[in-house]
N, C-alpha and C. Protein backbone atom coordinates (compact mmCIF):
# COMPACT_ATOMS: atom_id res chain seq x y z
N MET A 1 91.06 30.89 -108.53
CA MET A 1 89.89 30.07 -108.33
C MET A 1 89.45 30.14 -106.87
N GLU A 2 90.45 30.07 -106.01
CA GLU A 2 90.14 30.14 -104.58
C GLU A 2 89.56 31.52 -104.25
N ASP A 3 90.01 32.52 -104.96
CA ASP A 3 89.48 33.87 -104.75
C ASP A 3 88.01 33.96 -105.14
N ASP A 4 87.63 33.22 -106.16
CA ASP A 4 86.23 33.21 -106.59
C ASP A 4 85.34 32.62 -105.49
N TYR A 5 85.80 31.52 -104.88
CA TYR A 5 85.02 30.91 -103.79
C TYR A 5 84.89 31.87 -102.62
N LYS A 6 85.99 32.56 -102.32
CA LYS A 6 85.97 33.52 -101.21
C LYS A 6 85.01 34.66 -101.52
N LYS A 7 84.99 35.10 -102.75
CA LYS A 7 84.09 36.19 -103.14
C LYS A 7 82.62 35.74 -103.03
N ILE A 8 82.35 34.54 -103.51
CA ILE A 8 80.97 34.02 -103.46
C ILE A 8 80.53 33.82 -102.01
N ALA A 9 81.41 33.22 -101.20
CA ALA A 9 81.08 33.01 -99.79
C ALA A 9 80.90 34.33 -99.08
N GLY A 10 81.75 35.30 -99.37
CA GLY A 10 81.64 36.61 -98.77
C GLY A 10 80.34 37.30 -99.17
N ALA A 11 79.96 37.14 -100.45
CA ALA A 11 78.72 37.76 -100.92
C ALA A 11 77.51 37.16 -100.19
N PHE A 12 77.51 35.83 -100.02
CA PHE A 12 76.40 35.19 -99.30
C PHE A 12 76.36 35.65 -97.84
N LEU A 13 77.52 35.71 -97.23
CA LEU A 13 77.61 36.15 -95.84
C LEU A 13 77.16 37.59 -95.69
N LEU A 14 77.62 38.45 -96.58
CA LEU A 14 77.22 39.85 -96.56
C LEU A 14 75.72 39.99 -96.81
N GLY A 15 75.20 39.21 -97.73
CA GLY A 15 73.76 39.24 -98.02
C GLY A 15 72.94 38.80 -96.81
N GLY A 16 73.44 37.79 -96.12
CA GLY A 16 72.74 37.31 -94.91
C GLY A 16 72.74 38.36 -93.83
N ILE A 17 73.89 39.01 -93.65
CA ILE A 17 73.99 40.05 -92.61
C ILE A 17 73.09 41.23 -92.96
N ILE A 18 73.10 41.65 -94.22
CA ILE A 18 72.25 42.76 -94.64
C ILE A 18 70.78 42.40 -94.47
N GLY A 19 70.41 41.19 -94.85
CA GLY A 19 69.02 40.73 -94.72
C GLY A 19 68.58 40.71 -93.26
N ALA A 20 69.43 40.22 -92.38
CA ALA A 20 69.10 40.19 -90.96
C ALA A 20 68.95 41.59 -90.41
N ALA A 21 69.83 42.50 -90.83
CA ALA A 21 69.76 43.89 -90.35
C ALA A 21 68.46 44.55 -90.82
N ILE A 22 68.11 44.33 -92.07
CA ILE A 22 66.87 44.91 -92.60
C ILE A 22 65.67 44.33 -91.85
N ALA A 23 65.69 43.01 -91.60
CA ALA A 23 64.59 42.37 -90.88
C ALA A 23 64.44 42.97 -89.49
N LEU A 24 65.55 43.22 -88.81
CA LEU A 24 65.48 43.83 -87.48
C LEU A 24 64.96 45.26 -87.53
N LEU A 25 65.38 45.99 -88.56
CA LEU A 25 64.93 47.38 -88.69
C LEU A 25 63.43 47.48 -89.00
N TYR A 26 62.95 46.54 -89.80
CA TYR A 26 61.55 46.59 -90.22
C TYR A 26 60.64 45.70 -89.38
N ALA A 27 61.16 45.00 -88.43
CA ALA A 27 60.33 44.13 -87.58
C ALA A 27 59.37 45.00 -86.78
N PRO A 28 58.08 44.67 -86.79
CA PRO A 28 57.10 45.48 -86.10
C PRO A 28 57.20 45.37 -84.58
N LYS A 29 57.79 44.31 -84.09
CA LYS A 29 57.85 44.08 -82.64
C LYS A 29 59.24 43.63 -82.25
N SER A 30 59.52 43.79 -80.99
CA SER A 30 60.82 43.32 -80.50
C SER A 30 60.78 41.80 -80.34
N GLY A 31 61.93 41.21 -80.16
CA GLY A 31 62.00 39.76 -79.97
C GLY A 31 61.20 39.30 -78.77
N LYS A 32 61.25 40.09 -77.70
CA LYS A 32 60.51 39.74 -76.49
C LYS A 32 59.00 39.73 -76.77
N GLU A 33 58.54 40.75 -77.48
CA GLU A 33 57.11 40.81 -77.82
C GLU A 33 56.70 39.66 -78.74
N THR A 34 57.55 39.38 -79.69
CA THR A 34 57.27 38.28 -80.62
C THR A 34 57.19 36.95 -79.88
N ARG A 35 58.12 36.70 -78.97
CA ARG A 35 58.10 35.45 -78.19
C ARG A 35 56.84 35.38 -77.34
N ARG A 36 56.46 36.52 -76.75
CA ARG A 36 55.23 36.56 -75.94
C ARG A 36 54.01 36.24 -76.81
N ASP A 37 53.95 36.82 -78.00
CA ASP A 37 52.82 36.55 -78.92
C ASP A 37 52.79 35.08 -79.33
N ILE A 38 53.97 34.53 -79.59
CA ILE A 38 54.04 33.11 -79.96
C ILE A 38 53.54 32.24 -78.80
N ALA A 39 53.94 32.58 -77.57
CA ALA A 39 53.51 31.81 -76.40
C ALA A 39 51.99 31.92 -76.22
N ARG A 40 51.44 33.12 -76.40
CA ARG A 40 49.98 33.31 -76.28
C ARG A 40 49.24 32.50 -77.34
N THR A 41 49.74 32.58 -78.56
CA THR A 41 49.10 31.83 -79.64
C THR A 41 49.17 30.34 -79.37
N ALA A 42 50.30 29.86 -78.89
CA ALA A 42 50.43 28.43 -78.57
C ALA A 42 49.45 28.02 -77.48
N LYS A 43 49.28 28.86 -76.45
CA LYS A 43 48.31 28.56 -75.38
C LYS A 43 46.89 28.54 -75.93
N ARG A 44 46.57 29.51 -76.80
CA ARG A 44 45.22 29.58 -77.37
C ARG A 44 44.94 28.34 -78.23
N VAL A 45 45.91 27.97 -79.05
CA VAL A 45 45.75 26.79 -79.90
C VAL A 45 45.59 25.54 -79.04
N LYS A 46 46.38 25.45 -77.97
CA LYS A 46 46.28 24.29 -77.07
C LYS A 46 44.89 24.22 -76.44
N LYS A 47 44.36 25.36 -75.97
CA LYS A 47 43.03 25.39 -75.36
C LYS A 47 41.95 25.03 -76.38
N GLU A 48 42.05 25.60 -77.58
CA GLU A 48 41.07 25.30 -78.62
C GLU A 48 41.10 23.83 -79.01
N THR A 49 42.29 23.26 -79.06
CA THR A 49 42.43 21.83 -79.37
C THR A 49 41.80 20.98 -78.27
N ALA A 50 42.05 21.34 -77.02
CA ALA A 50 41.46 20.60 -75.90
C ALA A 50 39.94 20.70 -75.94
N ASP A 51 39.42 21.91 -76.24
CA ASP A 51 37.97 22.08 -76.34
C ASP A 51 37.40 21.24 -77.48
N LEU A 52 38.09 21.23 -78.61
CA LEU A 52 37.63 20.44 -79.75
C LEU A 52 37.61 18.96 -79.41
N ILE A 53 38.65 18.49 -78.73
CA ILE A 53 38.70 17.07 -78.34
C ILE A 53 37.57 16.76 -77.37
N GLU A 54 37.33 17.65 -76.41
CA GLU A 54 36.25 17.44 -75.44
C GLU A 54 34.89 17.41 -76.14
N ASP A 55 34.67 18.33 -77.06
CA ASP A 55 33.41 18.35 -77.81
C ASP A 55 33.24 17.08 -78.64
N THR A 56 34.33 16.61 -79.23
CA THR A 56 34.28 15.39 -80.04
C THR A 56 33.94 14.19 -79.17
N VAL A 57 34.57 14.10 -78.01
CA VAL A 57 34.30 12.98 -77.10
C VAL A 57 32.83 13.02 -76.64
N GLU A 58 32.34 14.20 -76.30
CA GLU A 58 30.94 14.33 -75.89
C GLU A 58 30.01 13.93 -77.02
N GLY A 59 30.33 14.36 -78.23
CA GLY A 59 29.50 13.99 -79.39
C GLY A 59 29.48 12.49 -79.61
N ILE A 60 30.62 11.86 -79.47
CA ILE A 60 30.69 10.40 -79.64
C ILE A 60 29.90 9.70 -78.55
N GLN A 61 29.99 10.20 -77.31
CA GLN A 61 29.23 9.60 -76.21
C GLN A 61 27.73 9.75 -76.43
N GLU A 62 27.30 10.92 -76.90
CA GLU A 62 25.88 11.13 -77.19
C GLU A 62 25.43 10.20 -78.31
N PHE A 63 26.25 10.08 -79.35
CA PHE A 63 25.92 9.20 -80.47
C PHE A 63 25.81 7.76 -80.00
N ALA A 64 26.76 7.33 -79.17
CA ALA A 64 26.73 5.96 -78.64
C ALA A 64 25.48 5.74 -77.78
N GLY A 65 25.11 6.75 -76.99
CA GLY A 65 23.89 6.65 -76.17
C GLY A 65 22.65 6.53 -77.04
N ASP A 66 22.60 7.33 -78.11
CA ASP A 66 21.45 7.26 -79.02
C ASP A 66 21.36 5.89 -79.68
N ILE A 67 22.50 5.37 -80.11
CA ILE A 67 22.52 4.05 -80.74
C ILE A 67 22.06 2.99 -79.74
N LYS A 68 22.52 3.09 -78.50
CA LYS A 68 22.14 2.13 -77.47
C LYS A 68 20.62 2.17 -77.24
N ASP A 69 20.06 3.39 -77.17
CA ASP A 69 18.62 3.53 -76.99
C ASP A 69 17.85 2.93 -78.16
N ARG A 70 18.31 3.20 -79.37
CA ARG A 70 17.63 2.66 -80.56
C ARG A 70 17.69 1.14 -80.59
N ILE A 71 18.86 0.60 -80.26
CA ILE A 71 19.00 -0.86 -80.26
C ILE A 71 18.09 -1.48 -79.20
N SER A 72 18.02 -0.85 -78.02
CA SER A 72 17.14 -1.35 -76.96
C SER A 72 15.68 -1.34 -77.43
N HIS A 73 15.30 -0.25 -78.09
CA HIS A 73 13.93 -0.14 -78.60
C HIS A 73 13.65 -1.22 -79.65
N ILE A 74 14.61 -1.45 -80.53
CA ILE A 74 14.44 -2.48 -81.57
C ILE A 74 14.32 -3.86 -80.93
N ILE A 75 15.12 -4.13 -79.93
CA ILE A 75 15.06 -5.43 -79.25
C ILE A 75 13.71 -5.60 -78.56
N GLU A 76 13.27 -4.55 -77.85
CA GLU A 76 11.96 -4.63 -77.19
C GLU A 76 10.84 -4.86 -78.20
N ARG A 77 10.91 -4.14 -79.30
CA ARG A 77 9.88 -4.30 -80.35
C ARG A 77 9.93 -5.70 -80.93
N GLY A 78 11.13 -6.22 -81.13
CA GLY A 78 11.26 -7.59 -81.65
C GLY A 78 10.69 -8.62 -80.69
N ILE A 79 10.90 -8.41 -79.40
CA ILE A 79 10.34 -9.33 -78.39
C ILE A 79 8.82 -9.26 -78.43
N GLU A 80 8.27 -8.04 -78.50
CA GLU A 80 6.82 -7.88 -78.58
C GLU A 80 6.26 -8.58 -79.81
N LEU A 81 6.90 -8.36 -80.95
CA LEU A 81 6.41 -8.98 -82.19
C LEU A 81 6.49 -10.50 -82.13
N SER A 82 7.57 -11.03 -81.57
CA SER A 82 7.68 -12.49 -81.50
C SER A 82 6.67 -13.07 -80.52
N GLU A 83 6.40 -12.35 -79.42
CA GLU A 83 5.38 -12.83 -78.49
C GLU A 83 4.00 -12.80 -79.14
N ASN A 84 3.71 -11.73 -79.87
CA ASN A 84 2.43 -11.65 -80.57
C ASN A 84 2.31 -12.74 -81.63
N ALA A 85 3.39 -12.98 -82.36
CA ALA A 85 3.38 -14.02 -83.39
C ALA A 85 3.18 -15.39 -82.75
N LYS A 86 3.82 -15.61 -81.60
CA LYS A 86 3.66 -16.88 -80.89
C LYS A 86 2.21 -17.07 -80.45
N LYS A 87 1.61 -16.01 -79.91
CA LYS A 87 0.21 -16.08 -79.48
C LYS A 87 -0.70 -16.36 -80.68
N ASP A 88 -0.46 -15.69 -81.79
CA ASP A 88 -1.26 -15.91 -82.99
C ASP A 88 -1.11 -17.34 -83.49
N LEU A 89 0.09 -17.86 -83.46
CA LEU A 89 0.34 -19.23 -83.89
C LEU A 89 -0.38 -20.22 -82.99
N VAL A 90 -0.32 -20.00 -81.68
CA VAL A 90 -1.00 -20.89 -80.73
C VAL A 90 -2.50 -20.85 -81.00
N LYS A 91 -3.05 -19.67 -81.19
CA LYS A 91 -4.49 -19.54 -81.48
C LYS A 91 -4.85 -20.29 -82.76
N SER A 92 -4.04 -20.14 -83.78
CA SER A 92 -4.30 -20.81 -85.06
C SER A 92 -4.23 -22.32 -84.90
N LEU A 93 -3.24 -22.79 -84.17
CA LEU A 93 -3.12 -24.24 -83.97
C LEU A 93 -4.29 -24.78 -83.15
N GLU A 94 -4.69 -24.04 -82.12
CA GLU A 94 -5.83 -24.47 -81.32
C GLU A 94 -7.11 -24.47 -82.16
N TYR A 95 -7.27 -23.46 -82.98
CA TYR A 95 -8.43 -23.39 -83.86
C TYR A 95 -8.42 -24.58 -84.83
N GLY A 96 -7.24 -24.86 -85.40
CA GLY A 96 -7.13 -26.00 -86.32
C GLY A 96 -7.41 -27.31 -85.62
N GLN A 97 -6.95 -27.45 -84.38
CA GLN A 97 -7.20 -28.69 -83.63
C GLN A 97 -8.69 -28.84 -83.36
N LYS A 98 -9.36 -27.75 -82.96
CA LYS A 98 -10.80 -27.81 -82.70
C LYS A 98 -11.57 -28.13 -83.98
N ALA A 99 -11.16 -27.52 -85.08
CA ALA A 99 -11.82 -27.80 -86.36
C ALA A 99 -11.63 -29.27 -86.75
N PHE A 100 -10.46 -29.78 -86.54
CA PHE A 100 -10.18 -31.19 -86.83
C PHE A 100 -11.05 -32.10 -85.97
N GLU A 101 -11.15 -31.77 -84.67
CA GLU A 101 -11.95 -32.58 -83.75
C GLU A 101 -13.42 -32.52 -84.12
N LYS A 102 -13.94 -31.36 -84.52
CA LYS A 102 -15.34 -31.24 -84.95
C LYS A 102 -15.60 -32.07 -86.20
N THR A 103 -14.67 -32.00 -87.12
CA THR A 103 -14.82 -32.77 -88.36
C THR A 103 -14.78 -34.25 -88.05
N GLU A 104 -13.95 -34.62 -87.12
CA GLU A 104 -13.84 -36.03 -86.73
C GLU A 104 -15.13 -36.49 -86.05
N LYS A 105 -15.71 -35.63 -85.20
CA LYS A 105 -16.96 -35.97 -84.50
C LYS A 105 -18.12 -36.12 -85.48
N LYS A 106 -18.10 -35.34 -86.53
CA LYS A 106 -19.17 -35.43 -87.54
C LYS A 106 -19.02 -36.69 -88.36
N GLY A 107 -17.94 -37.35 -88.24
CA GLY A 107 -17.74 -38.59 -88.96
C GLY A 107 -17.14 -38.39 -90.33
N LEU A 108 -16.73 -37.19 -90.64
CA LEU A 108 -16.14 -36.95 -91.95
C LEU A 108 -14.70 -37.45 -92.02
N LEU A 109 -14.05 -37.44 -90.89
CA LEU A 109 -12.68 -37.94 -90.81
C LEU A 109 -12.59 -38.95 -89.69
N LYS A 110 -11.72 -39.87 -89.85
CA LYS A 110 -11.44 -40.82 -88.79
C LYS A 110 -9.99 -40.61 -88.37
N HIS A 111 -9.85 -40.60 -87.10
CA HIS A 111 -8.51 -40.40 -86.54
C HIS A 111 -7.55 -41.46 -87.06
N SER A 112 -8.03 -42.66 -87.19
CA SER A 112 -7.16 -43.75 -87.62
C SER A 112 -6.76 -43.59 -89.09
N ASP A 113 -7.58 -42.88 -89.88
CA ASP A 113 -7.23 -42.67 -91.28
C ASP A 113 -5.97 -41.80 -91.43
N TYR A 114 -5.87 -40.85 -90.58
CA TYR A 114 -4.76 -39.91 -90.69
C TYR A 114 -3.68 -40.10 -89.64
N ASN A 115 -4.04 -40.77 -88.57
CA ASN A 115 -3.11 -40.99 -87.47
C ASN A 115 -2.43 -39.66 -87.10
N LEU A 116 -3.28 -38.66 -86.98
CA LEU A 116 -2.77 -37.32 -86.72
C LEU A 116 -3.65 -36.65 -85.69
N LYS A 117 -3.04 -36.13 -84.69
CA LYS A 117 -3.75 -35.33 -83.72
C LYS A 117 -2.77 -34.31 -83.18
N ILE A 118 -3.21 -33.08 -83.21
CA ILE A 118 -2.35 -32.01 -82.72
C ILE A 118 -2.64 -31.83 -81.25
N ILE A 119 -1.62 -31.95 -80.48
CA ILE A 119 -1.75 -31.70 -79.05
C ILE A 119 -0.85 -30.51 -78.75
N PHE A 120 -1.50 -29.44 -78.41
CA PHE A 120 -0.76 -28.23 -78.12
C PHE A 120 -1.36 -27.61 -76.88
N PRO A 121 -0.63 -27.53 -75.80
CA PRO A 121 -1.20 -27.01 -74.54
C PRO A 121 -1.72 -25.58 -74.70
N SER A 122 -2.84 -25.31 -74.09
CA SER A 122 -3.49 -24.01 -74.19
C SER A 122 -2.77 -22.95 -73.38
N GLN A 123 -1.98 -23.34 -72.42
CA GLN A 123 -1.34 -22.33 -71.56
C GLN A 123 -0.33 -21.48 -72.32
N TYR A 124 0.09 -21.82 -73.49
CA TYR A 124 1.02 -20.98 -74.24
C TYR A 124 0.23 -19.85 -74.79
């Protein structure tokens, strides 16, 4: 039984040695050349990765800048619209107050009947 284990272990060992010898015989390059190629490939991959990271960071910065510009534009537009709406509201209220005062002067309405008078400064 022990001889069987020795035979199996010997066969694996012999197979490994034969495989390594064949690999060395058929290897297209020497170990030194292979190590040099691996080092070159590692440097190239490192550079390409750094370039990719740099491009990604630049893209994110550009995207953030675009978003900032759009948000600023939206805020400015919102301020303009609210100022225009405020002006329109003031004009409407002033017009309504004048119409109320004209109606009151004509005697169609009495201030005491409604106890209502809109006072809205014109400077707005």
